Amino acid sequence: MKNVGEARETPHGAAQEEFATGERSTRNRVARSILDHGPSTVAELAGRLGLTQAAVRRHLDALGTDGVVEARERRVYGARTRGRPAKVFALTDCGRDAFDQSYDKLAADALGWIAEREGGSEAVAAFARARVAAQAGAYRRAVESAAPDKRTEALAKALSMDGYAATARSAPVGEQLCQHHCPVAHVAEKFPQLCEAETEIFAELLGTHVQRLATIAHGDGVCTTFIPKISPTDTDASASTAGRNPA
């Protein structure tokens, strides 16, 4: 079976979402191999993962754009040989943190403490809204600087900068914002207020009600948010009608 990382054509519609999910899985394998084996060359990664070097380079480019890996010269011990030093790819601090699940437990424990000591689920919801609001500055600037018909795409790009691997695609009578990765998915399984606060901020930023169709935290492959087509009279729509997460 042909490896998805080596596909020559990009499918469309629902197949595109499956393609993106497969791409993410292969990309995670590349990053995991670097974590397990240390800084690695393209040839070493290709050999370990059974991919072509061209496919590995493409995934490394994407991981580099996301700030997960960085290129550096291989450290030479002893006398340096002739020729250019080999270029290796290493995980950044951000990339290494993505594999450290202890942060998930710490965050879940902290939110559990807030719920128990500071007012139950409403206290967690208040924390979730404050957290998203603190992140939203960059998202707001991206959306407000985009043309009205490009705002969902601009939001997707801004989310990708924060590690959500987001894409935007057309849907009947609107668009779908797809997040192919969620850095807080394990915590959101226990505290859906995190997803609900995110949905609310999407509605506020895009100026229309939105509906969350699926979430990684609830076992779906992708977090999917439906954004209805905005008519000129809807530009001042309230964010208070934001759709809730599926239970």
C-alpha atoms as a PDB file:
ATOM      1  CA  MET A   1       0.000   0.000   0.000  1.00  0.00           C
ATOM      2  CA  LYS A   2       1.360   3.410  -0.968  1.00  0.00           C
ATOM      3  CA  ASN A   3       2.388   5.544   2.000  1.00  0.00           C
ATOM      4  CA  VAL A   4       0.140   8.567   2.394  1.00  0.00           C
ATOM      5  CA  GLY A   5       3.193  10.789   2.731  1.00  0.00           C
ATOM      6  CA  GLU A   6       4.062   9.958  -0.868  1.00  0.00           C
ATOM      7  CA  ALA A   7       0.662  10.604  -2.458  1.00  0.00           C
ATOM      8  CA  ARG A   8       0.961  12.486  -5.726  1.00  0.00           C
ATOM      9  CA  GLU A   9      -2.475  14.052  -5.803  1.00  0.00           C
ATOM     10  CA  THR A  10      -4.392  15.831  -3.076  1.00  0.00           C
ATOM     11  CA  PRO A  11      -7.961  14.550  -2.841  1.00  0.00           C
ATOM     12  CA  HIS A  12     -10.917  16.836  -2.265  1.00  0.00           C
ATOM     13  CA  GLY A  13     -13.923  17.019   0.052  1.00  0.00           C
ATOM     14  CA  ALA A  14     -14.170  14.307   2.669  1.00  0.00           C
ATOM     15  CA  ALA A  15     -11.160  12.525   1.203  1.00  0.00           C
ATOM     16  CA  GLN A  16      -9.077  15.633   1.823  1.00  0.00           C
ATOM     17  CA  GLU A  17      -9.834  15.411   5.548  1.00  0.00           C
ATOM     18  CA  GLU A  18      -8.728  11.748   5.584  1.00  0.00           C
ATOM     19  CA  PHE A  19      -5.602  12.740   3.671  1.00  0.00           C
ATOM     20  CA  ALA A  20      -4.796  15.470   6.207  1.00  0.00           C
ATOM     21  CA  THR A  21      -5.317  13.040   9.093  1.00  0.00           C
ATOM     22  CA  GLY A  22      -2.948  10.532   7.482  1.00  0.00           C
ATOM     23  CA  GLU A  23      -0.419  13.271   6.871  1.00  0.00           C
ATOM     24  CA  ARG A  24      -0.564  14.241  10.533  1.00  0.00           C
ATOM     25  CA  SER A  25      -0.045  10.629  11.606  1.00  0.00           C
ATOM     26  CA  THR A  26       3.048  10.261   9.412  1.00  0.00           C
ATOM     27  CA  ARG A  27       4.342  13.632  10.597  1.00  0.00           C
ATOM     28  CA  ASN A  28       3.963  12.481  14.194  1.00  0.00           C
ATOM     29  CA  ARG A  29       5.970   9.339  13.344  1.00  0.00           C
ATOM     30  CA  VAL A  30       8.775  11.515  11.982  1.00  0.00           C
ATOM     31  CA  ALA A  31       8.818  13.618  15.150  1.00  0.00           C
ATOM     32  CA  ARG A  32       8.633  10.521  17.370  1.00  0.00           C
ATOM     33  CA  SER A  33      11.579   8.952  15.568  1.00  0.00           C
ATOM     34  CA  ILE A  34      13.663  12.033  16.299  1.00  0.00           C
ATOM     35  CA  LEU A  35      12.574  11.904  19.938  1.00  0.00           C
ATOM     36  CA  ASP A  36      13.518   8.230  20.223  1.00  0.00           C
ATOM     37  CA  HIS A  37      16.797   8.340  18.277  1.00  0.00           C
ATOM     38  CA  GLY A  38      18.030  11.912  18.695  1.00  0.00           C
ATOM     39  CA  PRO A  39      18.972  14.402  15.957  1.00  0.00           C
ATOM     40  CA  SER A  40      18.722  12.578  12.631  1.00  0.00           C
ATOM     41  CA  THR A  41      19.505  13.105   8.973  1.00  0.00           C
ATOM     42  CA  VAL A  42      16.877  12.819   6.244  1.00  0.00           C
ATOM     43  CA  ALA A  43      18.435   9.532   5.117  1.00  0.00           C
ATOM     44  CA  GLU A  44      18.324   8.073   8.633  1.00  0.00           C
ATOM     45  CA  LEU A  45      14.673   9.011   9.078  1.00  0.00           C
ATOM     46  CA  ALA A  46      13.741   7.620   5.669  1.00  0.00           C
ATOM     47  CA  GLY A  47      15.439   4.321   6.498  1.00  0.00           C
ATOM     48  CA  ARG A  48      13.783   3.966   9.896  1.00  0.00           C
ATOM     49  CA  LEU A  49      10.291   4.891   8.719  1.00  0.00           C
ATOM     50  CA  GLY A  50      10.218   3.279   5.296  1.00  0.00           C
ATOM     51  CA  LEU A  51       9.586   6.569   3.483  1.00  0.00           C
ATOM     52  CA  THR A  52      11.302   8.216   0.549  1.00  0.00           C
ATOM     53  CA  GLN A  53      13.714  11.019   1.382  1.00  0.00           C
ATOM     54  CA  ALA A  54      11.491  13.416  -0.558  1.00  0.00           C
ATOM     55  CA  ALA A  55       8.526  12.522   1.667  1.00  0.00           C
ATOM     56  CA  VAL A  56      10.618  12.938   4.819  1.00  0.00           C
ATOM     57  CA  ARG A  57      11.818  16.376   3.664  1.00  0.00           C
ATOM     58  CA  ARG A  58       8.232  17.464   3.086  1.00  0.00           C
ATOM     59  CA  HIS A  59       7.183  16.404   6.578  1.00  0.00           C
ATOM     60  CA  LEU A  60      10.259  18.046   8.100  1.00  0.00           C
ATOM     61  CA  ASP A  61       9.410  21.280   6.282  1.00  0.00           C
ATOM     62  CA  ALA A  62       5.927  21.212   7.808  1.00  0.00           C
ATOM     63  CA  LEU A  63       7.270  20.356  11.273  1.00  0.00           C
ATOM     64  CA  GLY A  64       9.781  23.190  10.952  1.00  0.00           C
ATOM     65  CA  THR A  65       7.026  25.638  10.004  1.00  0.00           C
ATOM     66  CA  ASP A  66       5.108  24.549  13.113  1.00  0.00           C
ATOM     67  CA  GLY A  67       8.203  25.069  15.275  1.00  0.00           C
ATOM     68  CA  VAL A  68       8.454  21.378  16.194  1.00  0.00           C
ATOM     69  CA  VAL A  69      11.853  20.626  14.629  1.00  0.00           C
ATOM     70  CA  GLU A  70      14.878  22.640  13.627  1.00  0.00           C
ATOM     71  CA  ALA A  71      17.846  21.938  11.371  1.00  0.00           C
ATOM     72  CA  ARG A  72      21.386  22.075  12.710  1.00  0.00           C
ATOM     73  CA  GLU A  73      24.844  20.800  11.860  1.00  0.00           C
ATOM     74  CA  ARG A  74      25.668  17.412  13.289  1.00  0.00           C
ATOM     75  CA  ARG A  75      28.099  17.764  16.161  1.00  0.00           C
ATOM     76  CA  VAL A  76      31.454  16.250  15.267  1.00  0.00           C
ATOM     77  CA  TYR A  77      33.580  14.620  17.938  1.00  0.00           C
ATOM     78  CA  GLY A  78      37.283  14.394  17.188  1.00  0.00           C
ATOM     79  CA  ALA A  79      38.900  15.505  13.936  1.00  0.00           C
ATOM     80  CA  ARG A  80      36.537  17.036  11.383  1.00  0.00           C
ATOM     81  CA  THR A  81      36.528  15.233   8.055  1.00  0.00           C
ATOM     82  CA  ARG A  82      36.480  16.897   4.653  1.00  0.00           C
ATOM     83  CA  GLY A  83      33.231  18.081   3.140  1.00  0.00           C
ATOM     84  CA  ARG A  84      30.201  19.845   4.491  1.00  0.00           C
ATOM     85  CA  PRO A  85      28.958  18.717   7.911  1.00  0.00           C
ATOM     86  CA  ALA A  86      25.831  16.591   7.777  1.00  0.00           C
ATOM     87  CA  LYS A  87      22.579  18.452   8.479  1.00  0.00           C
ATOM     88  CA  VAL A  88      20.433  16.849  11.135  1.00  0.00           C
ATOM     89  CA  PHE A  89      16.976  17.629  12.424  1.00  0.00           C
ATOM     90  CA  ALA A  90      16.296  17.925  16.146  1.00  0.00           C
ATOM     91  CA  LEU A  91      13.195  18.590  18.224  1.00  0.00           C
ATOM     92  CA  THR A  92      12.737  22.094  19.553  1.00  0.00           C
ATOM     93  CA  ASP A  93      11.645  22.664  23.149  1.00  0.00           C
ATOM     94  CA  CYS A  94       8.102  23.085  21.830  1.00  0.00           C
ATOM     95  CA  GLY A  95       8.313  19.790  19.961  1.00  0.00           C
ATOM     96  CA  ARG A  96       9.673  17.950  22.973  1.00  0.00           C
ATOM     97  CA  ASP A  97       6.947  19.366  25.220  1.00  0.00           C
ATOM     98  CA  ALA A  98       4.310  17.945  22.879  1.00  0.00           C
ATOM     99  CA  PHE A  99       5.402  14.443  23.902  1.00  0.00           C
ATOM    100  CA  ASP A 100       5.498  15.143  27.620  1.00  0.00           C
ATOM    101  CA  GLN A 101       2.182  13.823  28.896  1.00  0.00           C
ATOM    102  CA  SER A 102       2.977  14.787  32.510  1.00  0.00           C
ATOM    103  CA  TYR A 103       1.751  18.284  31.665  1.00  0.00           C
ATOM    104  CA  ASP A 104      -1.654  16.805  30.832  1.00  0.00           C
ATOM    105  CA  LYS A 105      -1.955  15.267  34.278  1.00  0.00           C
ATOM    106  CA  LEU A 106      -0.768  18.453  35.939  1.00  0.00           C
ATOM    107  CA  ALA A 107      -3.336  20.527  34.041  1.00  0.00           C
ATOM    108  CA  ALA A 108      -6.149  18.075  34.772  1.00  0.00           C
ATOM    109  CA  ASP A 109      -5.217  18.011  38.466  1.00  0.00           C
ATOM    110  CA  ALA A 110      -5.144  21.816  38.573  1.00  0.00           C
ATOM    111  CA  LEU A 111      -8.581  22.124  36.970  1.00  0.00           C
ATOM    112  CA  GLY A 112      -9.931  19.465  39.303  1.00  0.00           C
ATOM    113  CA  TRP A 113      -8.660  21.492  42.251  1.00  0.00           C
ATOM    114  CA  ILE A 114     -10.294  24.657  40.863  1.00  0.00           C
ATOM    115  CA  ALA A 115     -13.609  22.813  40.428  1.00  0.00           C
ATOM    116  CA  GLU A 116     -13.483  21.406  43.945  1.00  0.00           C
ATOM    117  CA  ARG A 117     -12.304  24.503  45.797  1.00  0.00           C
ATOM    118  CA  GLU A 118     -13.418  27.491  43.747  1.00  0.00           C
ATOM    119  CA  GLY A 119     -16.979  26.919  42.541  1.00  0.00           C
ATOM    120  CA  GLY A 120     -17.406  23.775  40.494  1.00  0.00           C
ATOM    121  CA  SER A 121     -17.867  23.690  36.736  1.00  0.00           C
ATOM    122  CA  GLU A 122     -18.571  27.424  36.518  1.00  0.00           C
ATOM    123  CA  ALA A 123     -15.130  28.168  37.937  1.00  0.00           C
ATOM    124  CA  VAL A 124     -13.548  25.882  35.339  1.00  0.00           C
ATOM    125  CA  ALA A 125     -15.576  27.613  32.616  1.00  0.00           C
ATOM    126  CA  ALA A 126     -14.382  31.023  33.820  1.00  0.00           C
ATOM    127  CA  PHE A 127     -10.783  29.789  33.705  1.00  0.00           C
ATOM    128  CA  ALA A 128     -11.305  28.358  30.208  1.00  0.00           C
ATOM    129  CA  ARG A 129     -12.732  31.647  28.912  1.00  0.00           C
ATOM    130  CA  ALA A 130      -9.858  33.628  30.440  1.00  0.00           C
ATOM    131  CA  ARG A 131      -7.309  31.248  28.917  1.00  0.00           C
ATOM    132  CA  VAL A 132      -8.799  31.486  25.423  1.00  0.00           C
ATOM    133  CA  ALA A 133      -9.153  35.269  25.699  1.00  0.00           C
ATOM    134  CA  ALA A 134      -5.439  35.515  26.503  1.00  0.00           C
ATOM    135  CA  GLN A 135      -4.633  33.560  23.334  1.00  0.00           C
ATOM    136  CA  ALA A 136      -7.115  35.365  21.135  1.00  0.00           C
ATOM    137  CA  GLY A 137      -5.115  38.529  20.461  1.00  0.00           C
ATOM    138  CA  ALA A 138      -3.152  37.006  17.582  1.00  0.00           C
ATOM    139  CA  TYR A 139      -6.274  35.313  16.235  1.00  0.00           C
ATOM    140  CA  ARG A 140      -8.185  38.598  16.300  1.00  0.00           C
ATOM    141  CA  ARG A 141      -5.447  40.449  14.433  1.00  0.00           C
ATOM    142  CA  ALA A 142      -5.336  37.733  11.771  1.00  0.00           C
ATOM    143  CA  VAL A 143      -9.105  37.715  11.276  1.00  0.00           C
ATOM    144  CA  GLU A 144      -9.536  41.486  11.257  1.00  0.00           C
ATOM    145  CA  SER A 145      -6.784  41.951   8.677  1.00  0.00           C
ATOM    146  CA  ALA A 146      -8.369  39.436   6.279  1.00  0.00           C
ATOM    147  CA  ALA A 147     -11.074  40.018   3.688  1.00  0.00           C
ATOM    148  CA  PRO A 148     -14.548  38.906   4.879  1.00  0.00           C
ATOM    149  CA  ASP A 149     -14.485  35.782   2.708  1.00  0.00           C
ATOM    150  CA  LYS A 150     -10.987  34.837   3.943  1.00  0.00           C
ATOM    151  CA  ARG A 151     -11.532  35.153   7.683  1.00  0.00           C
ATOM    152  CA  THR A 152     -12.014  31.464   8.411  1.00  0.00           C
ATOM    153  CA  GLU A 153      -8.848  30.674   6.466  1.00  0.00           C
ATOM    154  CA  ALA A 154      -6.979  33.406   8.379  1.00  0.00           C
ATOM    155  CA  LEU A 155      -8.179  31.961  11.688  1.00  0.00           C
ATOM    156  CA  ALA A 156      -7.055  28.486  10.602  1.00  0.00           C
ATOM    157  CA  LYS A 157      -3.558  29.777   9.844  1.00  0.00           C
ATOM    158  CA  ALA A 158      -3.370  31.555  13.205  1.00  0.00           C
ATOM    159  CA  LEU A 159      -4.500  28.403  15.014  1.00  0.00           C
ATOM    160  CA  SER A 160      -1.855  26.392  13.168  1.00  0.00           C
ATOM    161  CA  MET A 161       0.797  28.712  14.577  1.00  0.00           C
ATOM    162  CA  ASP A 162      -0.332  27.534  18.022  1.00  0.00           C
ATOM    163  CA  GLY A 163      -0.052  23.856  17.072  1.00  0.00           C
ATOM    164  CA  TYR A 164      -3.641  23.060  16.085  1.00  0.00           C
ATOM    165  CA  ALA A 165      -2.808  22.049  12.468  1.00  0.00           C
ATOM    166  CA  ALA A 166      -5.975  23.794  11.307  1.00  0.00           C
ATOM    167  CA  THR A 167      -7.469  24.002   7.822  1.00  0.00           C
ATOM    168  CA  ALA A 168     -10.539  25.686   6.335  1.00  0.00           C
ATOM    169  CA  ARG A 169     -12.657  24.231   3.571  1.00  0.00           C
ATOM    170  CA  SER A 170     -15.927  24.976   1.847  1.00  0.00           C
ATOM    171  CA  ALA A 171     -19.100  23.269   3.011  1.00  0.00           C
ATOM    172  CA  PRO A 172     -22.758  23.535   1.952  1.00  0.00           C
ATOM    173  CA  VAL A 173     -24.019  27.030   2.914  1.00  0.00           C
ATOM    174  CA  GLY A 174     -20.829  27.829   4.765  1.00  0.00           C
ATOM    175  CA  GLU A 175     -17.357  26.623   5.726  1.00  0.00           C
ATOM    176  CA  GLN A 176     -15.765  24.090   8.047  1.00  0.00           C
ATOM    177  CA  LEU A 177     -12.838  24.894  10.293  1.00  0.00           C
ATOM    178  CA  CYS A 178     -10.940  21.644  10.953  1.00  0.00           C
ATOM    179  CA  GLN A 179      -8.329  21.311  13.700  1.00  0.00           C
ATOM    180  CA  HIS A 180      -6.331  18.154  13.056  1.00  0.00           C
ATOM    181  CA  HIS A 181      -4.455  18.367  16.355  1.00  0.00           C
ATOM    182  CA  CYS A 182      -5.449  19.548  19.822  1.00  0.00           C
ATOM    183  CA  PRO A 183      -2.648  20.232  22.341  1.00  0.00           C
ATOM    184  CA  VAL A 184      -5.117  19.965  25.256  1.00  0.00           C
ATOM    185  CA  ALA A 185      -7.240  17.040  24.030  1.00  0.00           C
ATOM    186  CA  HIS A 186      -6.488  14.786  27.012  1.00  0.00           C
ATOM    187  CA  VAL A 187      -7.502  17.491  29.497  1.00  0.00           C
ATOM    188  CA  ALA A 188     -10.565  18.493  27.459  1.00  0.00           C
ATOM    189  CA  GLU A 189     -11.865  14.920  27.742  1.00  0.00           C
ATOM    190  CA  LYS A 190     -12.493  15.628  31.422  1.00  0.00           C
ATOM    191  CA  PHE A 191     -13.204  19.346  31.135  1.00  0.00           C
ATOM    192  CA  PRO A 192     -15.328  20.144  28.040  1.00  0.00           C
ATOM    193  CA  GLN A 193     -15.437  23.763  29.186  1.00  0.00           C
ATOM    194  CA  LEU A 194     -12.126  24.186  27.332  1.00  0.00           C
ATOM    195  CA  CYS A 195     -13.780  23.278  24.028  1.00  0.00           C
ATOM    196  CA  GLU A 196     -16.867  25.353  24.771  1.00  0.00           C
ATOM    197  CA  ALA A 197     -14.806  28.469  25.489  1.00  0.00           C
ATOM    198  CA  GLU A 198     -12.898  27.956  22.249  1.00  0.00           C
ATOM    199  CA  THR A 199     -16.151  27.648  20.303  1.00  0.00           C
ATOM    200  CA  GLU A 200     -17.424  30.874  21.864  1.00  0.00           C
ATOM    201  CA  ILE A 201     -14.290  32.793  20.866  1.00  0.00           C
ATOM    202  CA  PHE A 202     -14.546  31.502  17.287  1.00  0.00           C
ATOM    203  CA  ALA A 203     -18.068  32.914  17.113  1.00  0.00           C
ATOM    204  CA  GLU A 204     -16.929  36.241  18.510  1.00  0.00           C
ATOM    205  CA  LEU A 205     -13.973  36.515  16.139  1.00  0.00           C
ATOM    206  CA  LEU A 206     -15.948  35.536  13.032  1.00  0.00           C
ATOM    207  CA  GLY A 207     -19.001  37.608  13.903  1.00  0.00           C
ATOM    208  CA  THR A 208     -21.555  34.824  13.561  1.00  0.00           C
ATOM    209  CA  HIS A 209     -22.895  31.830  15.426  1.00  0.00           C
ATOM    210  CA  VAL A 210     -20.851  28.676  14.855  1.00  0.00           C
ATOM    211  CA  GLN A 211     -21.548  25.025  15.576  1.00  0.00           C
ATOM    212  CA  ARG A 212     -19.032  22.484  16.835  1.00  0.00           C
ATOM    213  CA  LEU A 213     -19.723  19.245  14.976  1.00  0.00           C
ATOM    214  CA  ALA A 214     -16.934  17.055  16.341  1.00  0.00           C
ATOM    215  CA  THR A 215     -14.018  17.177  18.764  1.00  0.00           C
ATOM    216  CA  ILE A 216     -10.868  15.146  19.216  1.00  0.00           C
ATOM    217  CA  ALA A 217     -11.551  15.233  22.963  1.00  0.00           C
ATOM    218  CA  HIS A 218     -14.736  13.220  22.404  1.00  0.00           C
ATOM    219  CA  GLY A 219     -13.008  10.622  20.253  1.00  0.00           C
ATOM    220  CA  ASP A 220     -13.451  12.146  16.803  1.00  0.00           C
ATOM    221  CA  GLY A 221     -10.513  12.257  14.418  1.00  0.00           C
ATOM    222  CA  VAL A 222     -10.736  16.006  13.881  1.00  0.00           C
ATOM    223  CA  CYS A 223     -12.223  18.984  15.715  1.00  0.00           C
ATOM    224  CA  THR A 224     -14.739  20.332  13.193  1.00  0.00           C
ATOM    225  CA  THR A 225     -16.580  23.634  13.491  1.00  0.00           C
ATOM    226  CA  PHE A 226     -19.256  24.734  11.027  1.00  0.00           C
ATOM    227  CA  ILE A 227     -19.321  28.433  10.115  1.00  0.00           C
ATOM    228  CA  PRO A 228     -22.432  29.479   8.177  1.00  0.00           C
ATOM    229  CA  LYS A 229     -22.078  31.806   5.227  1.00  0.00           C
ATOM    230  CA  ILE A 230     -22.216  35.389   6.476  1.00  0.00           C
ATOM    231  CA  SER A 231     -24.470  37.799   4.619  1.00  0.00           C
ATOM    232  CA  PRO A 232     -23.744  41.558   4.659  1.00  0.00           C
ATOM    233  CA  THR A 233     -26.506  42.057   7.259  1.00  0.00           C
ATOM    234  CA  ASP A 234     -24.903  39.499   9.572  1.00  0.00           C
ATOM    235  CA  THR A 235     -21.587  41.266  10.099  1.00  0.00           C
ATOM    236  CA  ASP A 236     -22.689  42.466  13.553  1.00  0.00           C
ATOM    237  CA  ALA A 237     -24.019  39.086  14.644  1.00  0.00           C
ATOM    238  CA  SER A 238     -23.624  38.315  18.295  1.00  0.00           C
ATOM    239  CA  ALA A 239     -21.240  35.622  19.480  1.00  0.00           C
ATOM    240  CA  SER A 240     -23.684  34.647  22.222  1.00  0.00           C
ATOM    241  CA  THR A 241     -25.291  32.081  19.904  1.00  0.00           C
ATOM    242  CA  ALA A 242     -22.129  29.993  19.650  1.00  0.00           C
ATOM    243  CA  GLY A 243     -22.853  26.297  19.161  1.00  0.00           C
ATOM    244  CA  ARG A 244     -21.967  23.916  21.950  1.00  0.00           C
ATOM    245  CA  ASN A 245     -19.748  20.892  21.796  1.00  0.00           C
ATOM    246  CA  PRO A 246     -21.333  17.537  21.047  1.00  0.00           C
ATOM    247  CA  ALA A 247     -21.742  15.538  24.249  1.00  0.00           C
END
